[in-house]
Protein backbone atom coordinates (compact mmCIF):
# COMPACT_ATOMS: atom_id res chain seq x y z
CA MET A 1 421.32 48.47 223.54
CA ASN A 2 419.18 51.62 223.54
CA SER A 3 420.91 54.99 223.29
CA PRO A 4 420.74 57.56 226.17
CA GLU A 5 418.28 59.52 224.02
CA GLN A 6 416.00 56.50 223.78
CA ALA A 7 416.23 55.87 227.51
CA SER A 8 415.13 59.44 228.22
CA VAL A 9 411.94 58.97 226.21
CA ALA A 10 408.93 57.44 227.97
CA ARG A 11 408.24 53.97 226.61
CA VAL A 12 405.35 53.92 224.14
CA ARG A 13 402.92 51.01 223.86
CA VAL A 14 401.32 50.23 220.51
CA PHE A 15 398.90 47.60 219.24
CA ILE A 16 399.29 46.10 215.75
CA SER A 17 396.08 45.37 213.83
CA TYR A 18 396.45 43.24 210.68
CA SER A 19 394.85 40.45 208.67
CA HIS A 20 396.22 36.91 208.34
CA ASP A 21 396.55 37.07 204.53
CA SER A 22 399.29 34.42 204.28
CA ARG A 23 402.08 32.82 206.29
CA GLU A 24 404.57 35.13 204.58
CA HIS A 25 402.55 38.21 205.57
CA CYS A 26 402.18 37.05 209.20
CA ASP A 27 405.93 36.47 209.42
CA ARG A 28 406.56 39.96 208.03
CA VAL A 29 404.26 41.54 210.63
CA LEU A 30 405.96 39.55 213.40
CA ALA A 31 409.39 40.76 212.26
CA PHE A 32 408.04 44.32 212.30
CA ALA A 33 406.72 43.96 215.85
CA GLN A 34 409.96 42.44 217.11
CA GLN A 35 412.01 45.25 215.59
CA LEU A 36 409.79 47.86 217.23
CA ARG A 37 410.38 46.20 220.59
CA ARG A 38 414.14 46.13 220.00
CA ASP A 39 413.93 49.86 219.28
CA GLY A 40 412.26 50.60 222.61
CA ILE A 41 408.62 50.59 221.52
CA GLU A 42 406.37 48.12 223.36
CA ALA A 43 404.52 46.53 220.45
CA GLU A 44 401.65 44.15 221.21
CA LEU A 45 400.68 41.44 218.71
CA ASP A 46 398.34 38.45 218.76
CA GLN A 47 401.17 36.12 217.71
CA PHE A 48 402.83 36.68 221.10
CA HIS A 49 399.86 34.90 222.77
CA GLN A 50 399.11 32.02 220.40
CA ASP A 51 399.83 29.43 223.08
CA GLU A 52 397.64 31.07 225.75
CA LEU A 53 393.98 30.50 226.55
CA LEU A 54 392.42 33.89 225.77
CA HIS A 55 388.99 35.31 225.02
CA TRP A 56 390.10 37.01 221.81
CA PRO A 57 387.25 39.55 221.39
CA ARG A 58 387.84 40.82 224.94
CA TRP A 59 391.61 40.79 224.41
CA CYS A 60 391.25 42.91 221.27
CA GLU A 61 388.98 45.37 223.04
CA GLU A 62 391.48 45.72 225.88
CA GLN A 63 394.43 46.30 223.54
CA LEU A 64 392.55 49.01 221.66
CA ARG A 65 391.72 51.06 224.75
CA PRO A 66 393.57 54.43 224.74
CA GLU A 67 394.90 53.80 228.25
CA ASN A 68 396.51 50.53 227.07
CA SER A 69 397.85 51.52 223.64
CA LYS A 70 398.84 55.04 222.69
CA TYR A 71 398.78 54.11 218.99
CA VAL A 72 397.12 51.45 216.84
CA LEU A 73 399.26 50.47 213.83
CA CYS A 74 396.97 49.24 211.05
CA VAL A 75 398.98 47.10 208.60
CA CYS A 76 396.99 47.66 205.42
CA THR A 77 396.64 45.18 202.57
CA ALA A 78 393.88 44.70 200.02
CA GLU A 79 392.52 41.82 202.15
CA TYR A 80 392.70 43.91 205.33
CA ARG A 81 390.62 46.62 203.68
CA ARG A 82 388.04 44.11 202.47
CA ARG A 83 387.68 42.71 205.97
CA VAL A 84 387.51 46.12 207.63
CA GLU A 85 384.82 47.24 205.21
CA ASN A 86 382.96 43.91 205.58
CA LYS A 87 383.30 42.90 201.94
CA VAL A 88 384.10 39.25 202.67
CA PRO A 89 381.90 36.25 203.54
CA ALA A 90 380.44 36.27 207.05
CA ASP A 91 382.77 33.53 208.29
CA VAL A 92 385.96 35.29 207.08
CA GLY A 93 387.96 37.96 208.91
CA LYS A 94 385.93 38.19 212.11
CA GLY A 95 388.90 39.41 214.18
CA VAL A 96 389.81 42.27 211.87
CA PHE A 97 386.15 43.29 211.52
CA TRP A 98 385.79 43.35 215.33
CA GLU A 99 388.92 45.50 215.66
CA ALA A 100 387.65 47.78 212.89
CA THR A 101 384.32 48.22 214.70
CA LEU A 102 386.15 49.40 217.81
CA ILE A 103 388.32 51.74 215.71
CA TYR A 104 385.20 53.21 214.06
CA ASP A 105 383.72 53.82 217.52
CA TYR A 106 386.91 55.55 218.67
CA LEU A 107 387.05 57.86 215.64
CA TYR A 108 383.36 58.69 216.07
CA ASP A 109 383.71 59.51 219.77
CA GLU A 110 386.88 61.59 219.28
CA LYS A 111 385.61 63.35 216.11
CA GLY A 112 389.06 62.77 214.67
CA ASN A 113 392.10 60.55 214.71
CA ARG A 114 395.11 60.84 217.01
CA ARG A 115 395.94 57.14 217.35
CA CYS A 116 395.26 54.97 214.29
CA VAL A 117 398.22 54.92 211.88
CA PRO A 118 398.02 53.26 208.42
CA VAL A 119 401.15 51.21 207.66
CA LEU A 120 402.07 49.72 204.26
CA MET A 121 404.67 47.00 203.81
CA GLY A 122 405.65 44.37 201.28
CA GLY A 123 404.91 46.71 198.38
CA ALA A 124 401.24 47.18 199.30
CA HIS A 125 399.50 49.95 197.34
CA GLU A 126 397.94 52.94 199.10
CA ASP A 127 394.55 51.79 197.79
CA ALA A 128 394.79 49.05 200.43
CA ILE A 129 394.15 51.65 203.16
CA PRO A 130 390.52 51.50 204.40
CA ARG A 131 388.54 54.55 203.38
CA ILE A 132 388.06 55.73 206.97
CA LEU A 133 391.87 56.02 207.37
CA SER A 134 392.77 57.11 203.84
CA GLY A 135 393.11 60.81 204.65
CA TRP A 136 395.70 60.43 207.43
CA ASN A 137 399.48 60.08 207.36
CA ARG A 138 400.61 56.68 206.13
CA TYR A 139 404.04 55.05 206.40
CA GLU A 140 405.53 52.76 203.74
CA LEU A 141 408.06 50.38 205.31
CA THR A 142 410.79 48.28 203.69
CA THR A 143 413.57 47.05 206.00
CA PHE A 144 412.19 47.95 209.48
CA ARG A 145 415.64 49.31 210.39
CA LEU A 146 416.78 52.84 211.18
CA THR A 147 420.34 52.04 210.14
CA ASP A 148 419.33 50.92 206.63
CA GLY A 149 417.89 54.27 205.65
CA ASP A 150 414.24 53.19 205.65
CA PRO A 151 412.52 56.63 205.64
CA GLY A 152 409.12 55.11 206.37
CA TYR A 153 410.31 53.25 209.45
CA GLU A 154 412.24 56.29 210.66
CA GLY A 155 409.20 58.53 210.20
CA LEU A 156 406.97 56.08 212.06
CA SER A 157 409.51 55.80 214.91
CA ARG A 158 409.64 59.58 215.24
CA LEU A 159 405.85 59.76 215.39
CA LEU A 160 405.58 57.05 218.03
CA THR A 161 408.33 58.50 220.22
CA GLY A 162 407.42 62.18 219.71
CA ARG A 163 410.82 63.12 218.27
CA PRO A 164 410.22 65.13 215.08
CA LYS A 165 413.07 65.35 212.61
CA VAL A 166 412.61 69.10 212.17
CA LYS A 167 411.78 71.42 215.05
CA PRO A 168 410.58 75.00 214.52
CA GLU A 169 412.71 77.88 215.79
CA PRO A 170 411.30 79.91 218.72
CA VAL A 171 409.20 82.85 217.57
CA GLY A 172 411.18 86.08 218.03
CA GLU A 173 410.10 89.67 218.46
CA PRO A 174 408.50 91.36 215.45
CA ILE A 175 410.94 93.45 213.44
CA THR A 176 410.30 97.14 212.82
CA LEU A 177 409.53 98.12 209.24
CA LEU A 178 409.59 101.63 207.80
CA GLU A 179 406.34 102.81 206.31
CA LYS A 180 406.35 103.35 202.58
CA GLU A 181 404.11 105.70 200.66
CA VAL A 182 401.53 103.74 198.74
CA LEU A 183 400.62 105.11 195.32
CA PRO A 184 396.98 105.05 194.31
CA PRO A 185 396.08 102.17 191.97
CA LEU A 186 396.06 102.84 188.26
CA GLU A 187 392.72 102.88 186.60
CA ILE A 188 392.57 100.12 184.00
CA PRO A 189 389.67 100.34 181.57
CA GLU A 190 387.50 97.26 181.33
CA ARG A 191 388.13 95.23 178.20
CA LYS A 192 386.70 92.09 176.66
CA THR A 193 388.52 88.77 176.30
CA ASP A 194 391.24 88.88 173.67
CA PHE A 195 390.48 85.81 171.62
CA MET A 196 393.42 86.49 169.34
CA GLY A 197 395.61 85.94 172.40
CA LEU A 198 394.10 82.50 172.81
CA ILE A 199 394.76 81.73 169.16
CA GLU A 200 398.37 82.84 169.52
CA GLU A 201 398.75 80.58 172.57
CA ILE A 202 397.76 77.61 170.46
CA HIS A 203 400.10 78.79 167.72
CA ARG A 204 402.96 78.83 170.23
CA LYS A 205 402.04 75.31 171.29
CA VAL A 206 402.71 74.09 167.76
CA ALA A 207 405.65 76.38 167.10
CA HIS A 208 407.71 73.34 166.15
CA ILE A 209 405.68 73.27 162.95
CA GLU A 210 407.79 76.16 161.66
CA GLN A 211 410.97 74.11 162.03
CA ILE A 212 409.32 71.13 160.37
CA SER A 213 408.33 73.43 157.55
CA ILE A 214 411.94 74.49 157.02
CA GLU A 215 413.06 70.89 156.81
CA THR A 216 410.22 69.52 154.72
CA LYS A 217 409.18 72.72 152.88
CA ALA A 218 405.64 72.08 154.12
CA ASP A 219 403.16 74.93 153.82
CA THR A 220 402.07 75.89 157.35
CA SER A 221 399.56 78.54 156.36
CA GLU A 222 396.79 75.95 156.14
CA ILE A 223 397.63 74.73 159.66
CA LYS A 224 397.46 78.22 161.19
CA VAL A 225 394.19 78.93 159.44
CA GLY A 226 392.84 75.66 160.77
CA LEU A 227 393.76 76.58 164.33
CA THR A 228 392.16 79.97 163.96
CA GLU A 229 388.97 78.43 162.56
CA LEU A 230 388.85 75.87 165.36
CA VAL A 231 389.11 78.43 168.16
CA GLY A 232 386.65 80.67 166.35
CA TRP A 233 384.06 77.90 166.31
CA LEU A 234 384.73 77.05 169.91
CA LYS A 235 384.35 80.60 171.21
CA SER A 236 381.18 81.19 169.20
CA GLY A 237 379.55 77.87 170.06
CA GLN A 238 379.07 76.97 166.39
CA ALA A 239 379.08 73.37 165.21
CA ILE A 240 382.35 72.15 163.66
CA PRO A 241 381.84 71.31 159.95
CA VAL A 242 381.94 67.63 159.12
CA ASP A 243 384.57 68.10 156.41
CA TRP A 244 386.90 70.04 158.69
CA ALA A 245 388.95 66.92 159.58
CA ASP A 246 389.74 66.22 155.92
CA ARG A 247 390.89 69.79 155.32
CA GLN A 248 393.02 69.81 158.45
CA LYS A 249 394.86 66.53 158.02
CA LYS A 250 398.20 68.33 158.02
CA LEU A 251 397.28 70.07 161.28
CA ALA A 252 396.55 66.78 163.02
CA GLU A 253 399.75 65.21 161.70
CA ARG A 254 401.88 68.10 162.98
CA VAL A 255 400.22 68.11 166.40
CA GLY A 256 400.96 64.39 166.59
CA ILE A 257 397.45 62.94 166.85
CA SER A 258 394.90 61.72 164.33
CA GLU A 259 392.47 64.16 162.72
CA GLN A 260 389.63 62.07 164.20
CA ALA A 261 391.12 62.60 167.67
CA LEU A 262 391.48 66.35 167.10
CA VAL A 263 387.84 66.66 166.04
CA THR A 264 386.73 64.55 169.03
CA ILE A 265 388.62 66.78 171.45
CA ALA A 266 387.25 69.96 169.90
CA ALA A 267 383.69 68.62 169.88
CA ARG A 268 383.90 67.52 173.52
CA LEU A 269 385.11 70.94 174.61
CA GLY A 270 381.84 72.28 173.28
CA VAL A 271 379.81 70.12 175.69
CA GLU A 272 382.10 70.32 178.75
CA ASN A 273 381.01 73.89 179.55
CA VAL A 274 384.60 75.15 179.38
CA PRO A 275 384.60 78.95 179.92
CA THR A 276 385.28 80.86 176.73
CA ALA A 277 388.48 82.38 178.09
CA GLN A 278 389.85 78.89 178.80
CA LEU A 279 389.12 77.25 175.46
CA GLY A 280 392.64 77.72 174.13
CA PRO A 281 394.43 76.32 177.21
CA ALA A 282 391.83 73.53 177.46
CA LEU A 283 392.50 72.43 173.89
CA ILE A 284 396.24 72.39 174.57
CA ASP A 285 395.71 70.41 177.79
CA ARG A 286 393.59 67.75 176.06
CA ILE A 287 396.14 67.37 173.25
CA ASP A 288 398.96 67.05 175.78
CA ARG A 289 397.04 64.42 177.75
CA LEU A 290 396.33 62.44 174.60
CA ARG A 291 399.96 62.53 173.42
CA LEU A 292 401.18 61.51 176.89
CA ALA A 293 398.75 58.58 176.82
CA GLN A 294 400.14 57.59 173.40
CA GLN A 295 403.70 57.60 174.75
CA GLN A 296 402.77 55.63 177.86
CA ALA A 297 400.87 53.07 175.77
CA GLU A 298 404.02 52.50 173.72
CA ALA A 299 405.90 51.78 176.96
CA LEU A 300 403.53 48.91 177.88
CA PRO A 301 404.75 45.36 177.18
CA ALA A 302 404.00 44.39 173.61
CA ASP A 303 402.07 41.28 174.65
CA ASN A 304 399.84 43.10 177.13
CA PRO A 305 396.27 42.40 175.94
CA ILE A 306 394.97 45.79 177.12
CA ARG A 307 397.57 47.78 175.18
CA PRO A 308 395.61 47.66 171.87
CA LEU A 309 392.56 49.02 173.72
CA VAL A 310 394.59 51.98 175.00
CA GLU A 311 395.98 52.63 171.53
CA ALA A 312 392.47 52.54 170.02
CA ALA A 313 391.24 55.04 172.63
CA THR A 314 394.10 57.47 171.90
CA LYS A 315 393.52 57.16 168.17
CA SER A 316 389.86 58.11 168.60
CA GLY A 317 390.68 61.07 170.87
CA ALA A 318 389.09 59.58 174.00
CA TYR A 319 391.86 60.83 176.27
CA ASP A 320 389.96 60.11 179.50
CA ARG A 321 389.22 56.50 178.47
CA ALA A 322 392.85 56.09 177.42
CA GLU A 323 394.01 57.28 180.85
CA THR A 324 391.67 54.86 182.62
CA LEU A 325 392.72 51.91 180.47
CA LEU A 326 396.38 52.82 181.02
CA SER A 327 395.88 52.56 184.78
CA VAL A 328 394.18 49.19 184.29
CA ALA A 329 396.95 47.97 181.99
CA ARG A 330 399.72 48.99 184.41
CA GLU A 331 398.11 47.08 187.29
CA GLN A 332 397.55 44.04 185.05
CA VAL A 333 401.22 44.14 183.99
CA ARG A 334 402.26 44.43 187.64
CA ALA A 335 400.04 41.46 188.53
CA VAL A 336 401.57 39.26 185.81
CA GLY A 337 405.07 40.13 187.04
CA LEU A 338 404.12 39.29 190.63
CA ILE A 339 402.64 35.96 189.50
CA GLU A 340 405.98 35.11 187.90
CA GLU A 341 407.66 35.97 191.23
CA ASN A 342 405.11 33.78 193.06
CA GLN A 343 403.89 36.80 195.06
CA LEU A 344 400.29 35.80 194.53
CA ASP A 345 398.63 37.91 197.23
CA ARG A 346 400.27 41.07 195.91
CA ALA A 347 399.25 40.06 192.38
CA MET A 348 395.67 39.72 193.61
CA ALA A 349 395.83 43.20 195.16
CA ALA A 350 397.13 44.64 191.86
CA LEU A 351 394.19 43.13 189.98
CA ASP A 352 391.79 44.48 192.61
CA ASP A 353 393.26 47.93 191.91
CA ALA A 354 392.83 47.39 188.16
CA THR A 355 389.18 46.48 188.68
CA ARG A 356 388.61 49.60 190.78
CA HIS A 357 390.17 51.78 188.06
CA LEU A 358 387.86 50.20 185.51
CA GLY A 359 384.73 50.81 187.60
CA ALA A 360 381.38 49.07 187.32
CA ILE A 361 380.97 47.18 184.04
CA SER A 362 377.68 46.22 182.41
CA GLU A 363 376.40 45.20 178.98
CA ASP A 364 376.05 48.92 178.21
CA SER A 365 379.69 49.70 179.03
CA PRO A 366 382.11 50.51 176.17
CA VAL A 367 383.40 47.42 174.39
CA SER A 368 386.99 48.37 175.26
CA ASP A 369 386.15 48.31 178.99
CA ARG A 370 384.42 44.95 178.71
CA LEU A 371 387.37 43.48 176.82
CA ALA A 372 389.72 44.81 179.53
CA LEU A 373 387.62 43.18 182.25
CA GLY A 374 387.74 39.89 180.34
CA TYR A 375 391.54 39.98 180.33
CA ILE A 376 391.58 40.88 184.05
CA TYR A 377 389.40 37.84 184.81
CA LYS A 378 391.80 35.70 182.76
CA THR A 379 394.69 36.94 184.93
CA TYR A 380 392.69 36.22 188.12
CA ALA A 381 392.40 32.67 186.81
CA GLN A 382 396.21 32.47 186.51
CA ILE A 383 396.55 33.49 190.18
CA PHE A 384 394.08 30.92 191.49
CA SER A 385 395.62 28.24 189.29
CA ALA A 386 399.04 29.06 190.78
CA LYS A 387 397.47 28.86 194.26
CA GLY A 388 396.17 25.37 193.46
CA ASP A 389 392.53 26.49 193.57
CA GLN A 390 391.47 25.17 190.17
CA ALA A 391 387.76 25.54 190.92
CA ARG A 392 388.05 29.32 191.29
CA ALA A 393 390.45 29.49 188.35
CA ASP A 394 387.84 27.78 186.17
CA ASP A 395 385.19 30.14 187.50
CA TYR A 396 387.16 33.18 186.36
CA LEU A 397 387.91 31.60 182.99
CA ASP A 398 384.14 31.08 182.59
CA LYS A 399 383.53 34.74 183.47
CA ALA A 400 386.13 35.91 180.95
CA GLU A 401 384.72 33.65 178.26
CA ALA A 402 381.18 34.96 178.92
CA ILE A 403 382.37 38.54 178.39
CA PHE A 404 384.20 37.74 175.15
CA LYS A 405 381.20 35.80 173.83
CA SER A 406 378.78 38.61 174.71
CA ILE A 407 380.92 40.96 172.60
CA ALA A 408 381.30 38.50 169.75
CA HIS A 409 377.53 37.89 169.64
CA GLY A 410 376.58 41.41 170.65
CA PRO A 411 374.44 43.98 168.86
CA GLU A 412 375.33 45.68 165.63
CA GLY A 413 377.94 48.42 165.92
CA THR A 414 380.83 46.27 167.12
CA THR A 415 383.79 47.00 164.86
CA ALA A 416 385.70 44.30 162.99
CA VAL A 417 388.72 44.86 165.23
CA GLN A 418 386.64 44.53 168.41
CA TYR A 419 384.96 41.40 167.07
CA ALA A 420 388.34 39.87 166.19
CA ASP A 421 389.69 40.80 169.64
CA ALA A 422 386.72 39.08 171.29
CA ILE A 423 387.15 35.91 169.22
CA HIS A 424 390.88 35.95 169.96
CA GLY A 425 390.01 36.28 173.67
CA ILE A 426 387.77 33.21 173.48
CA GLY A 427 390.68 31.38 171.85
CA ASN A 428 392.97 32.46 174.72
CA ILE A 429 390.51 31.00 177.25
CA ARG A 430 390.37 27.67 175.43
CA HIS A 431 394.14 27.76 175.04
CA ALA A 432 394.43 28.18 178.84
CA ARG A 433 392.15 25.14 179.29
CA ASN A 434 394.41 23.09 176.99
CA GLU A 435 391.59 22.89 174.45
CA TYR A 436 394.05 23.45 171.61
CA ARG A 437 391.86 22.32 168.70
CA GLN A 438 388.99 24.60 169.74
CA ALA A 439 391.43 27.48 170.30
CA ILE A 440 392.84 26.98 166.79
CA ASP A 441 389.33 27.25 165.36
CA ASP A 442 388.85 30.58 167.16
CA TYR A 443 392.20 31.91 165.99
CA LYS A 444 391.25 30.98 162.42
CA ILE A 445 388.10 33.08 162.69
CA ALA A 446 390.06 36.01 164.11
CA THR A 447 392.61 35.86 161.28
CA THR A 448 389.84 35.53 158.71
CA ILE A 449 388.32 38.78 159.99
CA LEU A 450 391.74 40.44 160.28
CA PRO A 451 394.26 38.62 158.06
CA THR A 452 397.03 40.80 159.49
CA TYR A 453 396.27 39.78 163.12
CA ALA A 454 399.86 38.75 163.94
CA TYR A 455 399.20 37.77 167.56
CA ALA A 456 396.42 35.37 166.52
CA TRP A 457 398.76 33.69 164.00
CA TYR A 458 401.41 33.45 166.74
CA ASP A 459 398.99 31.88 169.23
CA MET A 460 397.79 29.46 166.55
CA PHE A 461 401.36 28.24 166.03
CA LEU A 462 401.76 27.70 169.78
CA CYS A 463 398.60 25.57 169.84
CA TYR A 464 399.89 23.40 166.99
CA ALA A 465 403.17 23.05 168.91
CA GLU A 466 401.28 21.87 172.01
CA LEU A 467 399.39 19.30 169.92
CA ALA A 468 402.71 18.12 168.50
CA LYS A 469 404.09 17.58 172.00
CA GLY A 470 401.18 15.21 172.59
CA GLY A 471 401.99 13.25 169.45
CA GLU A 472 399.63 14.94 166.97
CA VAL A 473 402.24 16.48 164.69
CA ASP A 474 400.93 18.72 161.92
CA LEU A 475 404.06 20.04 160.22
CA PRO A 476 402.28 21.69 157.25
CA ALA A 477 400.05 23.69 159.61
CA MET A 478 403.02 24.68 161.76
CA ARG A 479 404.92 25.86 158.68
CA LEU A 480 401.87 27.80 157.50
CA THR A 481 401.23 29.60 160.81
CA LEU A 482 404.93 30.38 161.27
CA ALA A 483 405.08 31.87 157.77
CA LYS A 484 401.99 34.02 158.47
CA THR A 485 403.41 35.10 161.83
CA LYS A 486 406.62 36.24 160.13
CA GLU A 487 404.68 37.92 157.33
CA THR A 488 402.23 39.86 159.51
CA GLY A 489 404.52 40.37 162.51
CA LYS A 490 407.10 42.58 160.83
CA GLY A 491 407.56 45.59 163.08
CA VAL A 492 404.95 44.33 165.55
CA PRO A 493 406.12 44.73 169.18
CA GLY A 494 406.67 41.41 170.93
CA LEU A 495 407.30 39.50 167.71
CA ASP A 496 410.90 40.49 167.14
CA ALA A 497 413.65 38.39 165.60
CA SER A 498 414.38 36.50 168.82
CA ILE A 499 410.76 35.34 169.14
CA ILE A 500 410.61 34.27 165.50
CA ALA A 501 413.90 32.42 165.93
CA GLU A 502 412.43 30.51 168.88
CA LEU A 503 409.40 29.49 166.77
CA GLU A 504 411.72 28.36 164.01
CA ARG A 505 413.68 26.30 166.55
CA ILE A 506 410.49 24.62 167.74
CA LEU A 507 409.47 23.77 164.17
CA ALA A 508 412.95 22.50 163.30
CA SER A 509 412.95 20.19 166.33
CA PHE A 510 409.74 18.49 165.20
CA GLU A 511 410.97 18.32 161.62
CA ARG A 512 414.10 16.49 162.83
CA GLU A 513 411.94 14.03 164.77
CA ASN A 514 409.80 13.31 161.71
CA GLY A 515 410.04 9.62 161.02
CA GLN A 516 411.94 8.84 164.24
CA GLY A 517 409.02 7.45 166.20
CA HIS A 518 407.78 10.73 167.62
CA GLY A 519 404.27 10.04 166.40
CA PRO A 520 402.14 9.87 163.28
CA ILE A 521 402.38 12.85 160.96
CA ARG A 522 398.91 14.23 160.42
CA GLU A 523 397.94 15.28 156.92
CA SER A 524 396.85 18.86 157.54
CA LYS A 525 393.42 19.88 156.30
CA ASP A 526 394.68 23.43 156.78
CA CYS A 527 397.17 22.93 153.93
CA GLU A 528 395.27 20.86 151.39
CA ASN A 529 395.77 23.72 148.91
CA ASP A 530 399.06 25.23 147.84
CA THR A 531 398.48 28.78 149.01
CA LEU A 532 398.38 29.92 152.61
CA GLU A 533 395.06 31.70 152.25
CA GLU A 534 393.33 28.72 150.61
CA GLY A 535 394.81 26.42 153.21
CA LEU A 536 393.11 28.23 156.08
CA ALA A 537 389.81 28.50 154.24
CA SER A 538 389.65 24.81 153.35
CA GLU A 539 388.90 23.37 156.80
């Protein structure tokens, strides 16, 4: 039953615009509309008229008229935005596009927005809001109930009913103030920028060096001289000597970043047109951003494929690239978690956000960005596979494989690590296609390039385990790859004792089945020689 306060408020009529992303999403929107009606707001929704014979374009136009609906609630999802902005095939999303056209016309005629309200629900990200509505108030809803403390639903209800939570006090009469004698301003002689002040600001930033010096008896004089030299070069516009990084290794270690990163930051300040007076604060800001990126990279899951790319960017001093790749990695992590929860549409939206963060990618883009896009495509494939759309899953696997191959066979200048990452990525694609033998070959190449590539050894063991499940048991190869995983994975995130114990359990289970009819034991070419290294090289 409505309260007396609700009864005193004129009933408000609203129209709900949304896209039919999934059955779950449609049910959520219906629950939202029904709750609004229970709370005294006359919500109109297409689902209320499914069993009627209607001309839907005309019905939409009528609902969107200002005289029929005071507000239009736009339930925003990534798919809704694509349909509003006409980024879907011509035969998809006609209803939403028609509604969006009418909304565009309204905003154009009114030169503003007093009716269209962006609404987010089900964990939708604010990037799902169409650009034309992105600057207006949005409401994030959870329970659709005032009694459950849903601040988004409460805020929306107050907007629709015109009952603000905070009302301003009436404006009173101006108070009388006594006049006070104003002294003439002091004359301050003009002076030039105090560069020593900037140097001292940097010194304060690394004041913890003094404490480290007490504990380790390190000589900090070289560090302070290095800071002074650096700012001196920056303010004068001189080139930074090539050997400066070697002489300032202690400085970089104390600041907490690599000397290569410190030189990169200093060099970039010289081409970013930073005003001379701001060089000191700018250097501090860049160092802080880089160290924050380092910390956030460490917080990413150890098995996230984009994490090594972030770490490489921070090591080189490319703080802006590190920040971009961090955003991409977070969305990719979120997508993987949503896939595990079977929330596939939300996972798709997270990957769309990751792609937007990454921006347009071409053959001329940095290798780290292209690798990241390859891993994003691989995750798209997981989503479509979970949806039962194997054709699109295969399409995205093909796209990911094409990117990894273009890097592996790219021009000179690709580093050994990047090359190994690309080959490992190709192996992941073949692994996902259940092409275990081919994946093993790729992992062998990756570990030949980087013998300490623990994740490649780990994936190689998993492929041998999959072959063993099918009856092709290769115990020597499994023992070899497990030994190399343990050897190279010491201290590597994601390969802790519990993971190693699980691999040992898998191996032990096949060893127990040896000779009990599980299948023929294959004489491993990988282990024809006694040593691990010769074993891998022999095939």
